[in-house]
Structures are given as C-alpha cells and as structure tokens.
C-alpha cells in the first residue's frame, strides 16, 4: 500500500478502545464534536436568527467570542474545575497527514485495533478534534470516524499543508 503523506507537525493523544472505556470515549466524542454549541454561541445564533447581527463585523465578533471562551477557561482553572477531557494513555507527534490516514513519529498502532484519539488542530479557534482510528501498521492509522464539521476542518488543514509544502519545494528548486 503506497500512501502519500503531506508533512505536518501535530500533537495526538490516543488510547485503544475496549469494553471498559468505550462509553466514556463515545460521550467525549459527542461533546467535542459539538464544540460550537456552548452558551455564547447559542446566544449569537438566536441573535442571528432574529436579524440583530446584520451590521456586525463577523471577524470582530468571532474574536470577542474566543476571548470570552478564554476568560471562561481561565476562570475554570482558577476555580480548579475539571476541564472534562478524558486522560488518554498515549501521546505522540503526527508528522504526515492525508485525507484518510495519519503517520506518527514512532511505533504506536497495532493492526486492526480501534483507537479513540484527539488531535490538536492548529486552526482558529484552536481546539481538540476527536476521532476514531484503525491501526494499519506500526506508525500508520486510518481515520475511521470523524464528524462532518471536523472533516471539513481536517480537509482544509491538509490542503493548507499541501500548499505550504509545494511552496517550500518550489523555493528549494529556485535556489539551485
């Protein structure tokens, strides 16, 4: 099997799915895939539906919402509230991505084993993307389950990394 990977440097946390943790992972996956459905986003959706945000700068509004979320996050840290993410057994670096596969920097995966994973997405706003993977061989896994919104963001990230890689290659060729 010949898989073409685009170079990337992403953090991934993962753990093998078994009967003990299956329900916990399913619940976290559901919560994280609905990342935008918090109180402030619900309020903004209502205002949009009522037509009250037509003259609002969308970029500025997004920045303010993200600032509000950061303040909420700091408040939860100060109050020592649990962030709610499951502690996963393994952490690694992804160094190659494509639309259906990831490649890590070390031996991480067993063939035909299902893993629950979170990838730190370097998009705005930064967030943890939950997904399920099947191990193919040592350091390669196939994406098994990912939400529609996360799939769109993942595809956008891959295309951006691919453009970056092409520019890098062209820059190297121009120097010779």
Protein backbone atom coordinates (compact mmCIF):
# COMPACT_ATOMS: atom_id res chain seq x y z
CA UNK A 1 0.00 0.00 0.00
CA UNK A 2 1.52 3.30 -1.12
CA UNK A 3 0.11 6.27 0.82
CA UNK A 4 1.25 9.81 0.06
CA UNK A 5 1.57 11.92 3.20
CA UNK A 6 1.85 15.67 3.49
CA UNK A 7 4.38 16.78 6.13
CA UNK A 8 2.77 18.13 9.30
CA UNK A 9 3.59 18.53 12.95
CA UNK A 10 0.55 17.89 15.12
CA UNK A 11 0.02 16.55 18.62
CA UNK A 12 -2.13 13.48 19.09
CA UNK A 13 -3.39 11.69 22.19
CA UNK A 14 -4.96 8.26 21.81
CA UNK A 15 -5.96 5.05 23.52
CA UNK A 16 -7.20 1.64 22.43
CA UNK A 17 -10.98 1.29 22.65
CA UNK A 18 -12.19 -1.58 24.84
CA UNK A 19 -15.39 -2.51 26.65
CA UNK A 20 -14.37 -0.54 29.76
CA UNK A 21 -13.72 2.83 28.09
CA UNK A 22 -16.00 2.61 25.04
CA UNK A 23 -18.87 4.59 26.61
CA UNK A 24 -16.60 7.27 28.08
CA UNK A 25 -14.92 7.85 24.71
CA UNK A 26 -18.28 7.93 22.92
CA UNK A 27 -19.57 10.63 25.30
CA UNK A 28 -16.44 12.77 24.97
CA UNK A 29 -16.52 12.39 21.18
CA UNK A 30 -20.13 13.63 21.16
CA UNK A 31 -19.30 16.60 23.40
CA UNK A 32 -16.20 17.66 21.45
CA UNK A 33 -17.81 17.35 18.03
CA UNK A 34 -20.41 19.86 19.20
CA UNK A 35 -17.69 22.30 20.29
CA UNK A 36 -19.56 25.32 18.99
CA UNK A 37 -22.78 24.66 20.90
CA UNK A 38 -21.88 26.49 24.11
CA UNK A 39 -23.95 29.24 25.77
CA UNK A 40 -22.40 32.21 23.98
CA UNK A 41 -22.65 30.57 20.56
CA UNK A 42 -26.28 29.66 21.21
CA UNK A 43 -26.99 33.28 22.15
CA UNK A 44 -25.29 34.52 18.95
CA UNK A 45 -27.27 32.01 16.85
CA UNK A 46 -30.50 33.39 18.34
CA UNK A 47 -29.44 36.97 17.58
CA UNK A 48 -28.54 35.99 14.00
CA UNK A 49 -31.90 34.28 13.56
CA UNK A 50 -33.62 37.46 14.76
CA UNK A 51 -31.58 39.53 12.29
CA UNK A 52 -29.89 41.55 15.03
CA UNK A 53 -26.31 40.90 13.85
CA UNK A 54 -26.57 42.02 10.23
CA UNK A 55 -24.39 45.10 10.74
CA UNK A 56 -21.86 43.36 13.00
CA UNK A 57 -18.28 42.72 11.89
CA UNK A 58 -18.07 38.90 11.84
CA UNK A 59 -14.30 38.78 12.41
CA UNK A 60 -14.54 41.08 15.42
CA UNK A 61 -17.47 39.09 16.79
CA UNK A 62 -15.52 35.82 16.41
CA UNK A 63 -12.54 37.32 18.22
CA UNK A 64 -14.76 38.53 21.06
CA UNK A 65 -16.40 35.12 21.39
CA UNK A 66 -12.99 33.43 21.54
CA UNK A 67 -11.81 35.95 24.14
CA UNK A 68 -14.92 35.16 26.20
CA UNK A 69 -14.13 31.44 25.97
CA UNK A 70 -10.55 32.05 27.13
CA UNK A 71 -11.82 34.02 30.13
CA UNK A 72 -14.21 31.16 30.94
CA UNK A 73 -11.30 28.73 30.65
CA UNK A 74 -9.12 30.83 32.97
CA UNK A 75 -11.99 31.04 35.43
CA UNK A 76 -12.34 27.25 35.46
CA UNK A 77 -8.58 26.89 36.04
CA UNK A 78 -8.69 29.34 38.96
CA UNK A 79 -11.68 27.51 40.44
CA UNK A 80 -9.82 24.21 39.82
CA UNK A 81 -12.73 22.82 37.85
CA UNK A 82 -12.17 19.71 35.77
CA UNK A 83 -11.85 20.58 32.05
CA UNK A 84 -13.74 17.38 31.29
CA UNK A 85 -11.32 15.74 28.84
CA UNK A 86 -10.53 12.09 29.36
CA UNK A 87 -6.88 11.39 30.11
CA UNK A 88 -5.69 9.25 27.19
CA UNK A 89 -2.94 6.69 27.62
CA UNK A 90 -0.57 7.71 24.78
CA UNK A 91 0.74 10.96 23.32
CA UNK A 92 2.71 11.27 20.12
CA UNK A 93 3.56 13.53 17.21
CA UNK A 94 1.96 13.27 13.80
CA UNK A 95 4.42 14.03 11.06
CA UNK A 96 2.44 13.01 8.00
CA UNK A 97 -1.23 13.53 7.14
CA UNK A 98 -3.59 12.84 4.30
CA UNK A 99 -7.36 12.86 3.91
CA UNK A 100 -7.78 9.34 5.30
CA UNK A 101 -4.57 8.49 7.17
CA UNK A 102 -2.12 9.79 9.75
CA UNK A 103 1.52 8.86 10.24
CA UNK A 104 3.24 9.25 13.61
CA UNK A 105 6.90 9.55 14.52
CA UNK A 106 7.13 6.23 16.36
CA UNK A 107 5.53 2.80 16.63
CA UNK A 108 2.10 3.46 18.10
CA UNK A 109 -0.57 1.34 16.46
CA UNK A 110 -1.46 -2.33 16.31
CA UNK A 111 -3.05 -3.56 13.07
CA UNK A 112 -6.86 -3.80 13.08
CA UNK A 113 -7.19 -2.22 16.53
CA UNK A 114 -9.67 0.64 17.08
CA UNK A 115 -8.33 3.75 18.83
CA UNK A 116 -10.04 6.85 20.18
CA UNK A 117 -7.90 9.93 19.57
CA UNK A 118 -7.77 13.70 19.91
CA UNK A 119 -5.68 15.83 17.59
CA UNK A 120 -4.79 19.40 18.50
CA UNK A 121 -5.90 21.38 15.46
CA UNK A 122 -3.85 24.49 14.68
CA UNK A 123 -6.84 26.39 13.31
CA UNK A 124 -8.70 29.39 14.66
CA UNK A 125 -10.11 28.81 17.14
CA UNK A 126 -7.65 26.17 18.37
CA UNK A 127 -9.37 23.06 19.61
CA UNK A 128 -9.17 19.33 20.17
CA UNK A 129 -10.59 17.27 17.31
CA UNK A 130 -11.97 13.89 18.41
CA UNK A 131 -11.86 10.95 16.03
CA UNK A 132 -11.59 7.19 15.86
CA UNK A 133 -8.70 5.47 14.11
CA UNK A 134 -7.90 1.93 12.99
CA UNK A 135 -4.28 0.90 13.24
CA UNK A 136 -2.86 -0.27 9.93
CA UNK A 137 0.76 -0.83 10.80
CA UNK A 138 3.25 0.44 13.39
CA UNK A 139 3.06 4.19 12.78
CA UNK A 140 0.10 4.50 10.36
CA UNK A 141 -3.58 4.65 11.22
CA UNK A 142 -6.70 5.10 9.08
CA UNK A 143 -9.38 7.59 10.09
CA UNK A 144 -12.48 5.57 10.91
CA UNK A 145 -14.96 8.11 12.31
CA UNK A 146 -14.89 11.91 12.28
CA UNK A 147 -17.75 14.45 12.44
CA UNK A 148 -18.74 16.40 9.33
CA UNK A 149 -17.51 19.76 10.69
CA UNK A 150 -14.20 18.26 11.82
CA UNK A 151 -13.83 16.51 8.45
CA UNK A 152 -14.16 19.90 6.73
CA UNK A 153 -11.56 21.47 9.03
CA UNK A 154 -9.25 18.45 8.60
CA UNK A 155 -9.52 18.64 4.80
CA UNK A 156 -8.82 22.39 4.91
CA UNK A 157 -5.76 21.78 7.08
CA UNK A 158 -4.44 19.14 4.67
CA UNK A 159 -4.90 21.44 1.69
CA UNK A 160 -3.14 24.30 3.53
CA UNK A 161 -0.24 22.00 4.49
CA UNK A 162 -0.05 20.73 0.92
CA UNK A 163 0.16 24.30 -0.46
CA UNK A 164 2.81 25.11 2.15
CA UNK A 165 4.79 22.02 1.14
CA UNK A 166 4.56 22.88 -2.57
CA UNK A 167 5.77 26.44 -1.89
CA UNK A 168 8.63 25.01 0.14
CA UNK A 169 9.63 22.64 -2.67
CA UNK A 170 9.45 25.41 -5.26
CA UNK A 171 11.58 27.62 -3.03
CA UNK A 172 14.22 24.87 -2.77
CA UNK A 173 14.20 24.29 -6.55
CA UNK A 174 14.51 28.04 -7.25
CA UNK A 175 17.70 28.19 -5.13
CA UNK A 176 19.52 25.58 -7.25
